[in-house]
Amino acid sequence: MPLPRKPRAKSSTQVYHIMTRGINRQTIFEEEKDKYKYLSILKKYKTEFNFELYAYCLMDNHVHLLIKESKDATISEIMKRMNVSYVFWYNKKYERTGPLFQDRFKSENVESLSYFRTVLRYIHQNPLKAGIENSIFHCKWTSIKEYVSTPFLIDTEPVLKLFSPNKEEALEQLITFMKEENDDECMDDFPKLTDQEVKKQLYFLGVRNKSELQRLDKTSRNAILLKLKNTKGISINQLARLTGISKSVIQRIK
């Protein structure tokens, strides 16, 4: 007999970072029209449930949201209605049946201002860290554009006030913060590799020590670093420390 699920821990701020992904990590957005549909559903239930939305990022097989729930609905109610609505539409469009999303959506409480800012940047930089884009301002399917133009879905004002009471200064500070290179990891569901495990990976790639890596030509060196950078469980900070290659260099490798 399966054990009952534990209730989600309540955030004292009512703010949550939410991630929902396709079952078996499958694609949930086959084309741009699907992403437009998801955003229209998000808009519909934001109006109906009166929650605040501070950030979103739509990737091909998962979604990130930064939400403050309202007295009208919990995040569980919000996500259930949104996901059911999208799956119904998606299954009809693609003539399929069955679930689309993987089990329950994941969530983490955002209890502090510093972590709120971290999650905000993490969500907007998701396409960069996946190697899809090279600038957050080129990302079509994140909410960053709503901060620098007219908001459609995002409650930008409460966020900008966290940076400065002056709107122009706040926007400038937010943009600077969003561009910062970092090693943010939020709601990571992959185990972290130990230093010894990373060294073993380097050895399997033909590198016995960091001096050997540093002596390689740039193309060969970057190919190895990119492979490790894209390995789940290895952080950029850890990679920089173990290889002696600067964080900024590793961050720029695409």
Protein backbone atom coordinates (compact mmCIF):
# COMPACT_ATOMS: atom_id res chain seq x y z
CA MET A 1 0.00 0.00 0.00
CA PRO A 2 1.55 3.34 -1.02
CA LEU A 3 2.25 5.84 1.72
CA PRO A 4 0.25 9.09 1.62
CA ARG A 5 2.09 12.11 0.28
CA LYS A 6 3.41 14.60 2.76
CA PRO A 7 1.74 18.01 2.58
CA ARG A 8 3.87 20.77 1.13
CA ALA A 9 5.63 23.00 3.64
CA LYS A 10 3.99 26.43 3.74
CA SER A 11 6.09 29.46 2.89
CA SER A 12 5.92 32.22 5.48
CA THR A 13 6.12 34.75 2.63
CA GLN A 14 3.62 32.82 0.44
CA VAL A 15 6.25 32.94 -2.31
CA TYR A 16 7.28 29.73 -4.11
CA HIS A 17 9.65 28.67 -6.83
CA ILE A 18 7.79 26.07 -8.89
CA MET A 19 9.10 23.67 -11.49
CA THR A 20 6.95 21.26 -13.50
CA ARG A 21 8.39 18.98 -16.16
CA GLY A 22 7.24 16.50 -18.78
CA ILE A 23 6.79 12.88 -17.77
CA ASN A 24 10.10 11.04 -18.31
CA ARG A 25 11.46 14.50 -19.19
CA GLN A 26 9.57 14.42 -22.49
CA THR A 27 8.83 17.53 -24.54
CA ILE A 28 5.75 19.44 -23.41
CA PHE A 29 6.03 22.23 -26.02
CA GLU A 30 6.34 20.91 -29.57
CA GLU A 31 6.14 24.34 -31.20
CA GLU A 32 5.85 28.02 -30.30
CA LYS A 33 2.04 27.91 -30.47
CA ASP A 34 2.11 25.51 -27.50
CA LYS A 35 4.10 27.99 -25.44
CA TYR A 36 1.70 30.79 -26.34
CA LYS A 37 -1.16 28.54 -25.23
CA TYR A 38 0.52 27.83 -21.89
CA LEU A 39 1.02 31.54 -21.29
CA SER A 40 -2.64 32.23 -22.10
CA ILE A 41 -3.67 29.59 -19.53
CA LEU A 42 -1.28 31.14 -17.03
CA LYS A 43 -2.86 34.54 -17.68
CA LYS A 44 -6.39 33.13 -17.28
CA TYR A 45 -5.75 31.54 -13.89
CA LYS A 46 -3.66 34.47 -12.67
CA THR A 47 -6.73 36.64 -13.22
CA GLU A 48 -9.09 34.07 -11.71
CA PHE A 49 -7.03 33.29 -8.60
CA ASN A 50 -5.46 36.71 -8.17
CA PHE A 51 -1.94 35.44 -7.47
CA GLU A 52 1.22 37.44 -8.16
CA LEU A 53 3.72 36.21 -10.74
CA TYR A 54 7.30 37.49 -10.65
CA ALA A 55 9.06 35.28 -13.21
CA TYR A 56 8.60 32.47 -15.67
CA CYS A 57 10.74 30.44 -18.05
CA LEU A 58 9.36 27.98 -20.59
CA MET A 59 11.85 25.34 -21.72
CA ASP A 60 10.91 22.58 -24.16
CA ASN A 61 10.37 19.98 -21.44
CA HIS A 62 9.84 21.98 -18.26
CA VAL A 63 8.58 25.24 -16.79
CA HIS A 64 9.84 27.46 -13.97
CA LEU A 65 7.55 29.91 -12.16
CA LEU A 66 8.05 32.34 -9.26
CA ILE A 67 4.65 32.83 -7.64
CA LYS A 68 3.08 34.43 -4.59
CA GLU A 69 -0.14 32.63 -3.80
CA SER A 70 -3.25 34.59 -2.83
CA LYS A 71 -6.02 34.00 -0.31
CA ASP A 72 -8.12 32.73 -3.23
CA ALA A 73 -6.02 29.65 -4.02
CA THR A 74 -2.98 27.68 -2.89
CA ILE A 75 -0.15 26.86 -5.28
CA SER A 76 -1.44 23.27 -5.40
CA GLU A 77 -4.85 24.47 -6.58
CA ILE A 78 -3.29 26.89 -9.04
CA MET A 79 -0.95 24.32 -10.60
CA LYS A 80 -3.61 21.60 -10.72
CA ARG A 81 -6.03 23.80 -12.65
CA MET A 82 -3.34 25.11 -14.99
CA ASN A 83 -1.80 21.72 -15.75
CA VAL A 84 -5.14 19.97 -16.26
CA SER A 85 -6.22 22.73 -18.64
CA TYR A 86 -2.99 22.57 -20.65
CA VAL A 87 -2.91 18.76 -20.81
CA PHE A 88 -6.53 18.63 -22.01
CA TRP A 89 -5.70 21.07 -24.81
CA TYR A 90 -2.37 19.38 -25.65
CA ASN A 91 -3.82 15.85 -25.78
CA LYS A 92 -6.62 17.01 -28.05
CA LYS A 93 -4.23 18.83 -30.37
CA TYR A 94 -1.76 15.94 -30.65
CA GLU A 95 -4.37 13.17 -30.50
CA ARG A 96 -2.89 11.51 -27.45
CA THR A 97 -4.15 10.31 -24.06
CA GLY A 98 -2.69 10.03 -20.59
CA PRO A 99 -0.54 12.24 -18.38
CA LEU A 100 1.89 14.80 -19.77
CA PHE A 101 3.49 16.16 -16.62
CA GLN A 102 5.75 14.17 -14.31
CA ASP A 103 3.95 13.31 -11.07
CA ARG A 104 3.56 16.33 -8.76
CA PHE A 105 5.13 19.64 -9.61
CA LYS A 106 8.19 20.53 -7.51
CA SER A 107 8.24 23.57 -5.28
CA GLU A 108 10.53 25.28 -2.82
CA ASN A 109 9.77 28.03 -0.35
CA VAL A 110 11.32 31.43 -0.96
CA GLU A 111 11.69 32.81 2.54
CA SER A 112 14.25 35.60 2.19
CA LEU A 113 14.96 38.60 -0.01
CA SER A 114 18.40 37.30 -0.96
CA TYR A 115 17.01 33.95 -2.08
CA PHE A 116 14.16 35.65 -3.95
CA ARG A 117 16.76 37.54 -5.98
CA THR A 118 18.72 34.33 -6.56
CA VAL A 119 15.65 32.46 -7.84
CA LEU A 120 14.67 35.43 -10.02
CA ARG A 121 18.08 35.35 -11.72
CA TYR A 122 18.17 31.55 -11.88
CA ILE A 123 14.86 31.42 -13.76
CA HIS A 124 15.85 34.13 -16.23
CA GLN A 125 19.29 32.60 -16.86
CA ASN A 126 17.94 29.07 -17.41
CA PRO A 127 18.23 29.25 -21.24
CA LEU A 128 21.80 30.59 -20.94
CA LYS A 129 22.94 27.78 -18.68
CA ALA A 130 21.31 25.28 -21.00
CA GLY A 131 23.39 26.74 -23.86
CA ILE A 132 20.30 27.84 -25.82
CA GLU A 133 20.98 31.58 -25.69
CA ASN A 134 23.99 33.78 -24.97
CA SER A 135 22.11 36.71 -23.43
CA ILE A 136 19.10 36.83 -21.13
CA PHE A 137 17.67 39.62 -23.28
CA HIS A 138 17.56 37.30 -26.30
CA CYS A 139 15.40 34.78 -24.44
CA LYS A 140 11.95 34.84 -26.00
CA TRP A 141 10.29 32.51 -23.49
CA THR A 142 11.24 34.11 -20.18
CA SER A 143 9.67 37.03 -18.38
CA ILE A 144 12.75 39.27 -18.45
CA LYS A 145 11.36 41.26 -21.39
CA GLU A 146 8.40 42.34 -19.25
CA TYR A 147 10.77 44.13 -16.88
CA VAL A 148 12.24 46.24 -19.67
CA SER A 149 9.01 46.87 -21.61
CA THR A 150 5.27 46.72 -20.92
CA PRO A 151 4.27 43.97 -18.45
CA PHE A 152 1.71 41.45 -19.71
CA LEU A 153 1.81 38.72 -17.07
CA ILE A 154 4.44 39.78 -14.58
CA ASP A 155 3.97 41.88 -11.44
CA THR A 156 7.13 43.90 -11.96
CA GLU A 157 6.53 46.73 -9.50
CA PRO A 158 7.02 44.76 -6.23
CA VAL A 159 10.23 43.27 -7.64
CA LEU A 160 11.71 46.57 -8.83
CA LYS A 161 11.04 48.12 -5.42
CA LEU A 162 13.32 45.48 -3.90
CA PHE A 163 16.22 47.00 -5.85
CA SER A 164 15.47 50.72 -5.42
CA PRO A 165 12.50 53.05 -4.71
CA ASN A 166 13.47 54.93 -7.87
CA LYS A 167 12.12 53.04 -10.90
CA GLU A 168 14.95 53.94 -13.28
CA GLU A 169 17.63 53.06 -10.73
CA ALA A 170 15.78 49.86 -9.83
CA LEU A 171 15.66 48.74 -13.46
CA GLU A 172 19.34 49.50 -13.94
CA GLN A 173 20.25 47.53 -10.81
CA LEU A 174 18.01 44.62 -11.77
CA ILE A 175 19.56 44.40 -15.25
CA THR A 176 23.07 44.45 -13.77
CA PHE A 177 22.13 41.71 -11.30
CA MET A 178 20.47 39.58 -13.98
CA LYS A 179 23.63 39.72 -16.13
CA GLU A 180 26.01 38.65 -13.35
CA GLU A 181 27.84 35.39 -13.86
CA ASN A 182 27.05 32.99 -11.04
CA ASP A 183 26.82 29.40 -9.95
CA ASP A 184 23.25 29.55 -8.67
CA GLU A 185 21.57 26.19 -8.13
CA CYS A 186 17.91 26.21 -7.19
CA MET A 187 15.75 23.14 -6.61
CA ASP A 188 18.40 20.95 -8.21
CA ASP A 189 17.14 17.37 -8.34
CA PHE A 190 20.49 15.89 -9.33
CA PRO A 191 23.02 14.70 -6.70
CA LYS A 192 26.24 16.73 -6.46
CA LEU A 193 29.40 14.97 -7.59
CA THR A 194 32.33 14.88 -5.18
CA ASP A 195 35.73 16.34 -6.14
CA GLN A 196 37.05 12.78 -6.48
CA GLU A 197 34.22 11.86 -8.87
CA VAL A 198 34.92 14.93 -11.02
CA LYS A 199 38.64 14.06 -11.11
CA LYS A 200 37.70 10.56 -12.30
CA GLN A 201 35.65 12.11 -15.09
CA LEU A 202 38.65 14.21 -16.10
CA TYR A 203 40.82 11.09 -16.10
CA PHE A 204 38.36 9.25 -18.34
CA LEU A 205 38.56 12.21 -20.72
CA GLY A 206 42.33 11.78 -20.90
CA VAL A 207 43.34 14.47 -18.40
CA ARG A 208 45.48 13.28 -15.46
CA ASN A 209 45.86 16.65 -13.71
CA LYS A 210 44.96 20.32 -14.10
CA SER A 211 48.38 21.25 -15.47
CA GLU A 212 47.81 18.83 -18.34
CA LEU A 213 44.43 20.43 -19.05
CA GLN A 214 45.90 23.93 -19.00
CA ARG A 215 48.56 22.96 -21.56
CA LEU A 216 46.01 21.77 -24.11
CA ASP A 217 45.12 23.93 -27.08
CA LYS A 218 42.05 26.09 -26.50
CA THR A 219 39.69 24.02 -28.69
CA SER A 220 40.57 20.71 -26.99
CA ARG A 221 40.49 22.27 -23.53
CA ASN A 222 37.09 23.89 -24.10
CA ALA A 223 35.61 20.66 -25.48
CA ILE A 224 36.52 18.87 -22.23
CA LEU A 225 35.29 21.73 -20.05
CA LEU A 226 32.00 21.93 -21.95
CA LYS A 227 31.40 18.20 -21.47
CA LEU A 228 31.97 18.53 -17.72
CA LYS A 229 30.01 21.77 -17.50
CA ASN A 230 27.00 20.00 -19.04
CA THR A 231 27.29 17.07 -16.63
CA LYS A 232 24.57 17.22 -13.98
CA GLY A 233 25.98 17.46 -10.48
CA ILE A 234 29.13 19.42 -11.40
CA SER A 235 29.06 23.11 -10.50
CA ILE A 236 31.04 25.80 -12.27
CA ASN A 237 32.67 26.83 -8.99
CA GLN A 238 33.81 23.25 -8.46
CA LEU A 239 35.07 22.96 -12.03
CA ALA A 240 37.04 26.21 -11.74
CA ARG A 241 38.59 25.11 -8.46
CA LEU A 242 39.64 21.67 -9.74
CA THR A 243 40.94 22.80 -13.14
CA GLY A 244 42.45 26.18 -12.33
CA ILE A 245 40.46 27.68 -15.23
CA SER A 246 38.60 30.83 -14.22
CA LYS A 247 34.82 30.82 -13.69
CA SER A 248 34.32 33.51 -16.30
CA VAL A 249 36.11 31.44 -18.96
CA ILE A 250 34.07 28.31 -18.14
CA GLN A 251 30.84 30.32 -18.05
CA ARG A 252 31.42 31.64 -21.57
CA ILE A 253 32.06 28.24 -23.15
CA LYS A 254 29.08 27.24 -25.31
